[in-house]
Full PDB file with SEQRES, HELIX, SHEET, SSBOND, CRYST1, ORIGX, SCALE, CONECT and MASTER records, all heavy atoms in Angstrom:
SEQRES   1 A   38  THR LEU VAL LEU VAL GLY LEU GLY VAL ALA LEU THR TYR          
SEQRES   2 A   38  LEU GLY VAL MET ARG ASN ALA THR VAL GLU TYR GLU VAL          
SEQRES   3 A   38  PHE GLY ASN LEU SER ARG VAL GLN SER SER ARG MET              
HELIX    1 AA1 LEU A    2  TYR A   13  1                                  12    
HELIX    2 AA2 VAL A   16  PHE A   27  1                                  12    
HELIX    3 AA3 LEU A   30  ARG A   37  1                                   8    
CRYST1    1.000    1.000    1.000  90.00  90.00  90.00 P 1           1          
ORIGX1      1.000000  0.000000  0.000000        0.00000                         
ORIGX2      0.000000  1.000000  0.000000        0.00000                         
ORIGX3      0.000000  0.000000  1.000000        0.00000                         
SCALE1      1.000000  0.000000  0.000000        0.00000                         
SCALE2      0.000000  1.000000  0.000000        0.00000                         
SCALE3      0.000000  0.000000  1.000000        0.00000                         
ATOM      1  N   THR A   1     -74.430  -0.330  48.578  1.00  0.00           N  
ATOM      2  CA  THR A   1     -73.217  -0.708  47.848  1.00  0.00           C  
ATOM      3  C   THR A   1     -72.165   0.380  47.953  1.00  0.00           C  
ATOM      4  O   THR A   1     -70.976   0.102  48.172  1.00  0.00           O  
ATOM      5  CB  THR A   1     -73.542  -0.980  46.368  1.00  0.00           C  
ATOM      6  OG1 THR A   1     -74.535  -2.005  46.289  1.00  0.00           O  
ATOM      7  CG2 THR A   1     -72.298  -1.413  45.616  1.00  0.00           C  
ATOM      8  N   LEU A   2     -72.592   1.622  47.814  1.00  0.00           N  
ATOM      9  CA  LEU A   2     -71.675   2.759  47.919  1.00  0.00           C  
ATOM     10  C   LEU A   2     -71.022   2.814  49.291  1.00  0.00           C  
ATOM     11  O   LEU A   2     -69.814   3.048  49.410  1.00  0.00           O  
ATOM     12  CB  LEU A   2     -72.429   4.062  47.634  1.00  0.00           C  
ATOM     13  CG  LEU A   2     -71.621   5.360  47.721  1.00  0.00           C  
ATOM     14  CD1 LEU A   2     -70.531   5.365  46.656  1.00  0.00           C  
ATOM     15  CD2 LEU A   2     -72.542   6.562  47.561  1.00  0.00           C  
ATOM     16  N   VAL A   3     -71.809   2.580  50.322  1.00  0.00           N  
ATOM     17  CA  VAL A   3     -71.274   2.608  51.686  1.00  0.00           C  
ATOM     18  C   VAL A   3     -70.253   1.503  51.889  1.00  0.00           C  
ATOM     19  O   VAL A   3     -69.174   1.716  52.464  1.00  0.00           O  
ATOM     20  CB  VAL A   3     -72.411   2.491  52.728  1.00  0.00           C  
ATOM     21  CG1 VAL A   3     -71.841   2.291  54.121  1.00  0.00           C  
ATOM     22  CG2 VAL A   3     -73.282   3.739  52.699  1.00  0.00           C  
ATOM     23  N   LEU A   4     -70.566   0.281  51.439  1.00  0.00           N  
ATOM     24  CA  LEU A   4     -69.640  -0.845  51.619  1.00  0.00           C  
ATOM     25  C   LEU A   4     -68.327  -0.613  50.880  1.00  0.00           C  
ATOM     26  O   LEU A   4     -67.247  -0.888  51.412  1.00  0.00           O  
ATOM     27  CB  LEU A   4     -70.300  -2.139  51.133  1.00  0.00           C  
ATOM     28  CG  LEU A   4     -71.372  -2.740  52.043  1.00  0.00           C  
ATOM     29  CD1 LEU A   4     -72.028  -3.941  51.377  1.00  0.00           C  
ATOM     30  CD2 LEU A   4     -70.780  -3.139  53.386  1.00  0.00           C  
ATOM     31  N   VAL A   5     -68.415  -0.097  49.667  1.00  0.00           N  
ATOM     32  CA  VAL A   5     -67.193   0.186  48.906  1.00  0.00           C  
ATOM     33  C   VAL A   5     -66.387   1.275  49.599  1.00  0.00           C  
ATOM     34  O   VAL A   5     -65.157   1.164  49.766  1.00  0.00           O  
ATOM     35  CB  VAL A   5     -67.538   0.607  47.465  1.00  0.00           C  
ATOM     36  CG1 VAL A   5     -66.292   1.096  46.739  1.00  0.00           C  
ATOM     37  CG2 VAL A   5     -68.157  -0.560  46.705  1.00  0.00           C  
ATOM     38  N   GLY A   6     -67.064   2.343  50.009  1.00  0.00           N  
ATOM     39  CA  GLY A   6     -66.377   3.435  50.700  1.00  0.00           C  
ATOM     40  C   GLY A   6     -65.745   2.982  52.000  1.00  0.00           C  
ATOM     41  O   GLY A   6     -64.619   3.379  52.332  1.00  0.00           O  
ATOM     42  N   LEU A   7     -66.454   2.136  52.735  1.00  0.00           N  
ATOM     43  CA  LEU A   7     -65.931   1.617  53.993  1.00  0.00           C  
ATOM     44  C   LEU A   7     -64.691   0.768  53.747  1.00  0.00           C  
ATOM     45  O   LEU A   7     -63.690   0.883  54.460  1.00  0.00           O  
ATOM     46  CB  LEU A   7     -67.013   0.797  54.698  1.00  0.00           C  
ATOM     47  CG  LEU A   7     -66.681   0.252  56.083  1.00  0.00           C  
ATOM     48  CD1 LEU A   7     -66.396   1.393  57.053  1.00  0.00           C  
ATOM     49  CD2 LEU A   7     -67.841  -0.603  56.604  1.00  0.00           C  
ATOM     50  N   GLY A   8     -64.746  -0.085  52.733  1.00  0.00           N  
ATOM     51  CA  GLY A   8     -63.593  -0.925  52.428  1.00  0.00           C  
ATOM     52  C   GLY A   8     -62.380  -0.112  52.009  1.00  0.00           C  
ATOM     53  O   GLY A   8     -61.258  -0.383  52.456  1.00  0.00           O  
ATOM     54  N   VAL A   9     -62.597   0.905  51.206  1.00  0.00           N  
ATOM     55  CA  VAL A   9     -61.489   1.754  50.767  1.00  0.00           C  
ATOM     56  C   VAL A   9     -60.880   2.503  51.949  1.00  0.00           C  
ATOM     57  O   VAL A   9     -59.651   2.582  52.098  1.00  0.00           O  
ATOM     58  CB  VAL A   9     -61.970   2.757  49.693  1.00  0.00           C  
ATOM     59  CG1 VAL A   9     -60.890   3.791  49.398  1.00  0.00           C  
ATOM     60  CG2 VAL A   9     -62.360   2.015  48.414  1.00  0.00           C  
ATOM     61  N   ALA A  10     -61.737   3.054  52.814  1.00  0.00           N  
ATOM     62  CA  ALA A  10     -61.247   3.820  53.959  1.00  0.00           C  
ATOM     63  C   ALA A  10     -60.449   2.947  54.917  1.00  0.00           C  
ATOM     64  O   ALA A  10     -59.369   3.333  55.382  1.00  0.00           O  
ATOM     65  CB  ALA A  10     -62.424   4.463  54.693  1.00  0.00           C  
ATOM     66  N   LEU A  11     -60.949   1.751  55.208  1.00  0.00           N  
ATOM     67  CA  LEU A  11     -60.247   0.857  56.135  1.00  0.00           C  
ATOM     68  C   LEU A  11     -58.933   0.371  55.531  1.00  0.00           C  
ATOM     69  O   LEU A  11     -57.928   0.234  56.238  1.00  0.00           O  
ATOM     70  CB  LEU A  11     -61.139  -0.333  56.487  1.00  0.00           C  
ATOM     71  CG  LEU A  11     -62.396  -0.014  57.310  1.00  0.00           C  
ATOM     72  CD1 LEU A  11     -63.208  -1.277  57.553  1.00  0.00           C  
ATOM     73  CD2 LEU A  11     -62.034   0.637  58.639  1.00  0.00           C  
ATOM     74  N   THR A  12     -58.935   0.134  54.229  1.00  0.00           N  
ATOM     75  CA  THR A  12     -57.695  -0.289  53.572  1.00  0.00           C  
ATOM     76  C   THR A  12     -56.665   0.831  53.585  1.00  0.00           C  
ATOM     77  O   THR A  12     -55.474   0.603  53.842  1.00  0.00           O  
ATOM     78  CB  THR A  12     -57.987  -0.710  52.127  1.00  0.00           C  
ATOM     79  OG1 THR A  12     -58.945  -1.774  52.128  1.00  0.00           O  
ATOM     80  CG2 THR A  12     -56.710  -1.189  51.441  1.00  0.00           C  
ATOM     81  N   TYR A  13     -57.107   2.056  53.332  1.00  0.00           N  
ATOM     82  CA  TYR A  13     -56.201   3.207  53.317  1.00  0.00           C  
ATOM     83  C   TYR A  13     -55.555   3.415  54.680  1.00  0.00           C  
ATOM     84  O   TYR A  13     -54.370   3.763  54.777  1.00  0.00           O  
ATOM     85  CB  TYR A  13     -56.979   4.458  52.918  1.00  0.00           C  
ATOM     86  CG  TYR A  13     -56.149   5.722  52.940  1.00  0.00           C  
ATOM     87  CD1 TYR A  13     -55.257   6.013  51.905  1.00  0.00           C  
ATOM     88  CD2 TYR A  13     -56.261   6.617  54.003  1.00  0.00           C  
ATOM     89  CE1 TYR A  13     -54.489   7.165  51.938  1.00  0.00           C  
ATOM     90  CE2 TYR A  13     -55.496   7.772  54.036  1.00  0.00           C  
ATOM     91  CZ  TYR A  13     -54.615   8.050  52.998  1.00  0.00           C  
ATOM     92  OH  TYR A  13     -53.855   9.188  53.032  1.00  0.00           O  
ATOM     93  N   LEU A  14     -56.322   3.190  55.754  1.00  0.00           N  
ATOM     94  CA  LEU A  14     -55.793   3.353  57.106  1.00  0.00           C  
ATOM     95  C   LEU A  14     -54.952   2.168  57.564  1.00  0.00           C  
ATOM     96  O   LEU A  14     -54.385   2.207  58.657  1.00  0.00           O  
ATOM     97  CB  LEU A  14     -56.950   3.573  58.098  1.00  0.00           C  
ATOM     98  CG  LEU A  14     -57.718   4.890  57.959  1.00  0.00           C  
ATOM     99  CD1 LEU A  14     -58.935   4.893  58.882  1.00  0.00           C  
ATOM    100  CD2 LEU A  14     -56.810   6.073  58.275  1.00  0.00           C  
ATOM    101  N   GLY A  15     -54.869   1.128  56.745  1.00  0.00           N  
ATOM    102  CA  GLY A  15     -54.092  -0.048  57.122  1.00  0.00           C  
ATOM    103  C   GLY A  15     -54.815  -0.955  58.090  1.00  0.00           C  
ATOM    104  O   GLY A  15     -54.215  -1.877  58.661  1.00  0.00           O  
ATOM    105  N   VAL A  16     -56.112  -0.713  58.273  1.00  0.00           N  
ATOM    106  CA  VAL A  16     -56.875  -1.491  59.246  1.00  0.00           C  
ATOM    107  C   VAL A  16     -56.946  -2.949  58.839  1.00  0.00           C  
ATOM    108  O   VAL A  16     -56.740  -3.849  59.661  1.00  0.00           O  
ATOM    109  CB  VAL A  16     -58.299  -0.900  59.402  1.00  0.00           C  
ATOM    110  CG1 VAL A  16     -59.183  -1.842  60.212  1.00  0.00           C  
ATOM    111  CG2 VAL A  16     -58.237   0.460  60.078  1.00  0.00           C  
ATOM    112  N   MET A  17     -57.227  -3.217  57.584  1.00  0.00           N  
ATOM    113  CA  MET A  17     -57.390  -4.603  57.156  1.00  0.00           C  
ATOM    114  C   MET A  17     -56.072  -5.370  57.263  1.00  0.00           C  
ATOM    115  O   MET A  17     -56.045  -6.537  57.654  1.00  0.00           O  
ATOM    116  CB  MET A  17     -57.915  -4.642  55.714  1.00  0.00           C  
ATOM    117  CG  MET A  17     -59.217  -3.858  55.496  1.00  0.00           C  
ATOM    118  SD  MET A  17     -60.529  -4.319  56.658  1.00  0.00           S  
ATOM    119  CE  MET A  17     -60.832  -5.996  56.159  1.00  0.00           C  
ATOM    120  N   ARG A  18     -54.970  -4.703  56.917  1.00  0.00           N  
ATOM    121  CA  ARG A  18     -53.667  -5.370  57.017  1.00  0.00           C  
ATOM    122  C   ARG A  18     -53.333  -5.692  58.468  1.00  0.00           C  
ATOM    123  O   ARG A  18     -52.889  -6.804  58.792  1.00  0.00           O  
ATOM    124  CB  ARG A  18     -52.583  -4.470  56.418  1.00  0.00           C  
ATOM    125  CG  ARG A  18     -51.160  -5.006  56.588  1.00  0.00           C  
ATOM    126  CD  ARG A  18     -50.162  -4.109  55.880  1.00  0.00           C  
ATOM    127  NE  ARG A  18     -50.314  -2.716  56.281  1.00  0.00           N  
ATOM    128  CZ  ARG A  18     -49.795  -2.216  57.411  1.00  0.00           C  
ATOM    129  NH1 ARG A  18     -49.134  -3.006  58.235  1.00  0.00           N  
ATOM    130  NH2 ARG A  18     -49.947  -0.936  57.723  1.00  0.00           N  
ATOM    131  N   ASN A  19     -53.542  -4.708  59.363  1.00  0.00           N  
ATOM    132  CA  ASN A  19     -53.252  -4.928  60.780  1.00  0.00           C  
ATOM    133  C   ASN A  19     -54.158  -6.003  61.371  1.00  0.00           C  
ATOM    134  O   ASN A  19     -53.717  -6.836  62.171  1.00  0.00           O  
ATOM    135  CB  ASN A  19     -53.428  -3.625  61.557  1.00  0.00           C  
ATOM    136  CG  ASN A  19     -52.385  -2.587  61.184  1.00  0.00           C  
ATOM    137  OD1 ASN A  19     -51.314  -2.932  60.710  1.00  0.00           O  
ATOM    138  ND2 ASN A  19     -52.710  -1.326  61.381  1.00  0.00           N  
ATOM    139  N   ALA A  20     -55.422  -5.973  60.970  1.00  0.00           N  
ATOM    140  CA  ALA A  20     -56.354  -6.975  61.476  1.00  0.00           C  
ATOM    141  C   ALA A  20     -55.950  -8.371  61.035  1.00  0.00           C  
ATOM    142  O   ALA A  20     -56.033  -9.344  61.790  1.00  0.00           O  
ATOM    143  CB  ALA A  20     -57.772  -6.655  60.999  1.00  0.00           C  
ATOM    144  N   THR A  21     -55.484  -8.481  59.799  1.00  0.00           N  
ATOM    145  CA  THR A  21     -55.046  -9.782  59.284  1.00  0.00           C  
ATOM    146  C   THR A  21     -53.842 -10.298  60.061  1.00  0.00           C  
ATOM    147  O   THR A  21     -53.763 -11.486  60.412  1.00  0.00           O  
ATOM    148  CB  THR A  21     -54.703  -9.667  57.791  1.00  0.00           C  
ATOM    149  OG1 THR A  21     -55.855  -9.212  57.082  1.00  0.00           O  
ATOM    150  CG2 THR A  21     -54.264 -11.017  57.243  1.00  0.00           C  
ATOM    151  N   VAL A  22     -52.893  -9.399  60.339  1.00  0.00           N  
ATOM    152  CA  VAL A  22     -51.710  -9.794  61.110  1.00  0.00           C  
ATOM    153  C   VAL A  22     -52.112 -10.271  62.495  1.00  0.00           C  
ATOM    154  O   VAL A  22     -51.644 -11.310  62.978  1.00  0.00           O  
ATOM    155  CB  VAL A  22     -50.725  -8.605  61.223  1.00  0.00           C  
ATOM    156  CG1 VAL A  22     -49.598  -8.945  62.191  1.00  0.00           C  
ATOM    157  CG2 VAL A  22     -50.158  -8.272  59.857  1.00  0.00           C  
ATOM    158  N   GLU A  23     -53.004  -9.527  63.150  1.00  0.00           N  
ATOM    159  CA  GLU A  23     -53.434  -9.915  64.490  1.00  0.00           C  
ATOM    160  C   GLU A  23     -54.166 -11.245  64.479  1.00  0.00           C  
ATOM    161  O   GLU A  23     -54.003 -12.068  65.378  1.00  0.00           O  
ATOM    162  CB  GLU A  23     -54.319  -8.813  65.081  1.00  0.00           C  
ATOM    163  CG  GLU A  23     -53.534  -7.562  65.437  1.00  0.00           C  
ATOM    164  CD  GLU A  23     -54.432  -6.437  65.903  1.00  0.00           C  
ATOM    165  OE1 GLU A  23     -55.584  -6.365  65.439  1.00  0.00           O  
ATOM    166  OE2 GLU A  23     -53.978  -5.638  66.726  1.00  0.00           O  
ATOM    167  N   TYR A  24     -54.990 -11.451  63.465  1.00  0.00           N  
ATOM    168  CA  TYR A  24     -55.720 -12.714  63.384  1.00  0.00           C  
ATOM    169  C   TYR A  24     -54.773 -13.892  63.188  1.00  0.00           C  
ATOM    170  O   TYR A  24     -54.941 -14.947  63.803  1.00  0.00           O  
ATOM    171  CB  TYR A  24     -56.727 -12.664  62.232  1.00  0.00           C  
ATOM    172  CG  TYR A  24     -57.516 -13.942  62.092  1.00  0.00           C  
ATOM    173  CD1 TYR A  24     -58.585 -14.217  62.947  1.00  0.00           C  
ATOM    174  CD2 TYR A  24     -57.190 -14.878  61.121  1.00  0.00           C  
ATOM    175  CE1 TYR A  24     -59.303 -15.395  62.829  1.00  0.00           C  
ATOM    176  CE2 TYR A  24     -57.899 -16.056  60.996  1.00  0.00           C  
ATOM    177  CZ  TYR A  24     -58.959 -16.307  61.854  1.00  0.00           C  
ATOM    178  OH  TYR A  24     -59.660 -17.472  61.743  1.00  0.00           O  
ATOM    179  N   GLU A  25     -53.761 -13.709  62.341  1.00  0.00           N  
ATOM    180  CA  GLU A  25     -52.805 -14.791  62.109  1.00  0.00           C  
ATOM    181  C   GLU A  25     -52.005 -15.127  63.361  1.00  0.00           C  
ATOM    182  O   GLU A  25     -51.655 -16.279  63.611  1.00  0.00           O  
ATOM    183  CB  GLU A  25     -51.850 -14.388  60.974  1.00  0.00           C  
ATOM    184  CG  GLU A  25     -52.529 -14.336  59.612  1.00  0.00           C  
ATOM    185  CD  GLU A  25     -51.605 -13.807  58.532  1.00  0.00           C  
ATOM    186  OE1 GLU A  25     -50.499 -13.337  58.896  1.00  0.00           O  
ATOM    187  OE2 GLU A  25     -51.980 -13.850  57.347  1.00  0.00           O  
ATOM    188  N   VAL A  26     -51.728 -14.089  64.165  1.00  0.00           N  
ATOM    189  CA  VAL A  26     -50.936 -14.307  65.374  1.00  0.00           C  
ATOM    190  C   VAL A  26     -51.771 -14.887  66.507  1.00  0.00           C  
ATOM    191  O   VAL A  26     -51.359 -15.788  67.226  1.00  0.00           O  
ATOM    192  CB  VAL A  26     -50.260 -12.990  65.817  1.00  0.00           C  
ATOM    193  CG1 VAL A  26     -49.530 -13.177  67.148  1.00  0.00           C  
ATOM    194  CG2 VAL A  26     -49.292 -12.499  64.747  1.00  0.00           C  
ATOM    195  N   PHE A  27     -53.002 -14.344  66.673  1.00  0.00           N  
ATOM    196  CA  PHE A  27     -53.791 -14.694  67.855  1.00  0.00           C  
ATOM    197  C   PHE A  27     -55.042 -15.514  67.553  1.00  0.00           C  
ATOM    198  O   PHE A  27     -55.667 -16.037  68.470  1.00  0.00           O  
ATOM    199  CB  PHE A  27     -54.226 -13.406  68.577  1.00  0.00           C  
ATOM    200  CG  PHE A  27     -53.076 -12.603  69.106  1.00  0.00           C  
ATOM    201  CD1 PHE A  27     -52.553 -11.563  68.362  1.00  0.00           C  
ATOM    202  CD2 PHE A  27     -52.524 -12.885  70.338  1.00  0.00           C  
ATOM    203  CE1 PHE A  27     -51.488 -10.815  68.835  1.00  0.00           C  
ATOM    204  CE2 PHE A  27     -51.467 -12.142  70.821  1.00  0.00           C  
ATOM    205  CZ  PHE A  27     -50.942 -11.105  70.074  1.00  0.00           C  
ATOM    206  N   GLY A  28     -55.426 -15.594  66.295  1.00  0.00           N  
ATOM    207  CA  GLY A  28     -56.721 -16.183  65.982  1.00  0.00           C  
ATOM    208  C   GLY A  28     -56.686 -17.669  65.730  1.00  0.00           C  
ATOM    209  O   GLY A  28     -57.185 -18.132  64.697  1.00  0.00           O  
ATOM    210  N   ASN A  29     -56.124 -18.466  66.622  1.00  0.00           N  
ATOM    211  CA  ASN A  29     -56.202 -19.918  66.480  1.00  0.00           C  
ATOM    212  C   ASN A  29     -56.621 -20.511  67.820  1.00  0.00           C  
ATOM    213  O   ASN A  29     -56.388 -19.935  68.885  1.00  0.00           O  
ATOM    214  CB  ASN A  29     -54.874 -20.501  66.012  1.00  0.00           C  
ATOM    215  CG  ASN A  29     -53.740 -20.239  66.996  1.00  0.00           C  
ATOM    216  OD1 ASN A  29     -53.633 -20.915  68.016  1.00  0.00           O  
ATOM    217  ND2 ASN A  29     -52.901 -19.243  66.709  1.00  0.00           N  
ATOM    218  N   LEU A  30     -57.245 -21.684  67.761  1.00  0.00           N  
ATOM    219  CA  LEU A  30     -57.828 -22.284  68.951  1.00  0.00           C  
ATOM    220  C   LEU A  30     -56.782 -22.663  69.996  1.00  0.00           C  
ATOM    221  O   LEU A  30     -57.056 -22.633  71.199  1.00  0.00           O  
ATOM    222  CB  LEU A  30     -58.657 -23.507  68.561  1.00  0.00           C  
ATOM    223  CG  LEU A  30     -59.961 -23.209  67.817  1.00  0.00           C  
ATOM    224  CD1 LEU A  30     -60.659 -24.504  67.414  1.00  0.00           C  
ATOM    225  CD2 LEU A  30     -60.895 -22.350  68.672  1.00  0.00           C  
ATOM    226  N   SER A  31     -55.591 -23.028  69.558  1.00  0.00           N  
ATOM    227  CA  SER A  31     -54.536 -23.369  70.519  1.00  0.00           C  
ATOM    228  C   SER A  31     -54.181 -22.152  71.378  1.00  0.00           C  
ATOM    229  O   SER A  31     -53.984 -22.264  72.593  1.00  0.00           O  
ATOM    230  CB  SER A  31     -53.296 -23.877  69.785  1.00  0.00           C  
ATOM    231  OG  SER A  31     -53.575 -25.067  69.090  1.00  0.00           O  
ATOM    232  N   ARG A  32     -54.094 -21.003  70.735  1.00  0.00           N  
ATOM    233  CA  ARG A  32     -53.797 -19.774  71.472  1.00  0.00           C  
ATOM    234  C   ARG A  32     -54.959 -19.428  72.399  1.00  0.00           C  
ATOM    235  O   ARG A  32     -54.767 -18.977  73.525  1.00  0.00           O  
ATOM    236  CB  ARG A  32     -53.553 -18.635  70.485  1.00  0.00           C  
ATOM    237  CG  ARG A  32     -53.217 -17.320  71.152  1.00  0.00           C  
ATOM    238  CD  ARG A  32     -51.783 -16.969  70.934  1.00  0.00           C  
ATOM    239  NE  ARG A  32     -51.401 -15.787  71.685  1.00  0.00           N  
ATOM    240  CZ  ARG A  32     -50.214 -15.218  71.611  1.00  0.00           C  
ATOM    241  NH1 ARG A  32     -49.293 -15.742  70.825  1.00  0.00           N  
ATOM    242  NH2 ARG A  32     -49.925 -14.157  72.305  1.00  0.00           N  
ATOM    243  N   VAL A  33     -56.179 -19.624  71.923  1.00  0.00           N  
ATOM    244  CA  VAL A  33     -57.359 -19.374  72.757  1.00  0.00           C  
ATOM    245  C   VAL A  33     -57.337 -20.273  73.981  1.00  0.00           C  
ATOM    246  O   VAL A  33     -57.619 -19.841  75.104  1.00  0.00           O  
ATOM    247  CB  VAL A  33     -58.649 -19.601  71.938  1.00  0.00           C  
ATOM    248  CG1 VAL A  33     -59.867 -19.587  72.851  1.00  0.00           C  
ATOM    249  CG2 VAL A  33     -58.793 -18.527  70.864  1.00  0.00           C  
ATOM    250  N   GLN A  34     -56.983 -21.552  73.787  1.00  0.00           N  
ATOM    251  CA  GLN A  34     -56.914 -22.484  74.906  1.00  0.00           C  
ATOM    252  C   GLN A  34     -55.880 -22.035  75.926  1.00  0.00           C  
ATOM    253  O   GLN A  34     -56.122 -22.072  77.142  1.00  0.00           O  
ATOM    254  CB  GLN A  34     -56.575 -23.887  74.393  1.00  0.00           C  
ATOM    255  CG  GLN A  34     -56.250 -24.910  75.469  1.00  0.00           C  
ATOM    256  CD  GLN A  34     -57.419 -25.203  76.390  1.00  0.00           C  
ATOM    257  OE1 GLN A  34     -58.559 -24.833  76.111  1.00  0.00           O  
ATOM    258  NE2 GLN A  34     -57.144 -25.868  77.510  1.00  0.00           N  
ATOM    259  N   SER A  35     -54.733 -21.583  75.462  1.00  0.00           N  
ATOM    260  CA  SER A  35     -53.684 -21.121  76.372  1.00  0.00           C  
ATOM    261  C   SER A  35     -54.147 -19.920  77.184  1.00  0.00           C  
ATOM    262  O   SER A  35     -53.970 -19.863  78.407  1.00  0.00           O  
ATOM    263  CB  SER A  35     -52.428 -20.768  75.572  1.00  0.00           C  
ATOM    264  OG  SER A  35     -51.424 -20.253  76.421  1.00  0.00           O  
ATOM    265  N   SER A  36     -54.776 -18.950  76.503  1.00  0.00           N  
ATOM    266  CA  SER A  36     -55.272 -17.757  77.206  1.00  0.00           C  
ATOM    267  C   SER A  36     -56.379 -18.124  78.186  1.00  0.00           C  
ATOM    268  O   SER A  36     -56.446 -17.584  79.290  1.00  0.00           O  
ATOM    269  CB  SER A  36     -55.792 -16.740  76.188  1.00  0.00           C  
ATOM    270  OG  SER A  36     -54.763 -16.326  75.319  1.00  0.00           O  
ATOM    271  N   ARG A  37     -57.230 -19.037  77.765  1.00  0.00           N  
ATOM    272  CA  ARG A  37     -58.336 -19.437  78.632  1.00  0.00           C  
ATOM    273  C   ARG A  37     -57.833 -20.104  79.910  1.00  0.00           C  
ATOM    274  O   ARG A  37     -58.341 -19.852  81.003  1.00  0.00           O  
ATOM    275  CB  ARG A  37     -59.256 -20.399  77.865  1.00  0.00           C  
ATOM    276  CG  ARG A  37     -60.528 -20.730  78.622  1.00  0.00           C  
ATOM    277  CD  ARG A  37     -61.367 -21.761  77.890  1.00  0.00           C  
ATOM    278  NE  ARG A  37     -62.593 -21.998  78.620  1.00  0.00           N  
ATOM    279  CZ  ARG A  37     -62.671 -22.738  79.718  1.00  0.00           C  
ATOM    280  NH1 ARG A  37     -61.572 -23.321  80.189  1.00  0.00           N  
ATOM    281  NH2 ARG A  37     -63.813 -22.898  80.348  1.00  0.00           N  
ATOM    282  N   MET A  38     -56.838 -20.956  79.794  1.00  0.00           N  
ATOM    283  CA  MET A  38     -56.285 -21.622  80.967  1.00  0.00           C  
ATOM    284  C   MET A  38     -55.603 -20.626  81.898  1.00  0.00           C  
ATOM    285  O   MET A  38     -55.666 -20.750  83.127  1.00  0.00           O  
ATOM    286  CB  MET A  38     -55.298 -22.707  80.536  1.00  0.00           C  
ATOM    287  CG  MET A  38     -55.950 -23.889  79.848  1.00  0.00           C  
ATOM    288  SD  MET A  38     -57.300 -24.632  80.808  1.00  0.00           S  
ATOM    289  CE  MET A  38     -56.433 -25.140  82.290  1.00  0.00           C  
TER     290      MET A  38                                                      
MASTER        0    0    0    3    0    0    0    6  289    1    0    3          
END                                                                             
């Protein structure tokens, strides 16, 4: 539990979760996957 909490705090502090969310919203849909695959 301590590790998971510490990991979440560290990633949030570095902006990792925010950046990951932005990237997922931009690239993480099947239509975009289909375009890249083709």
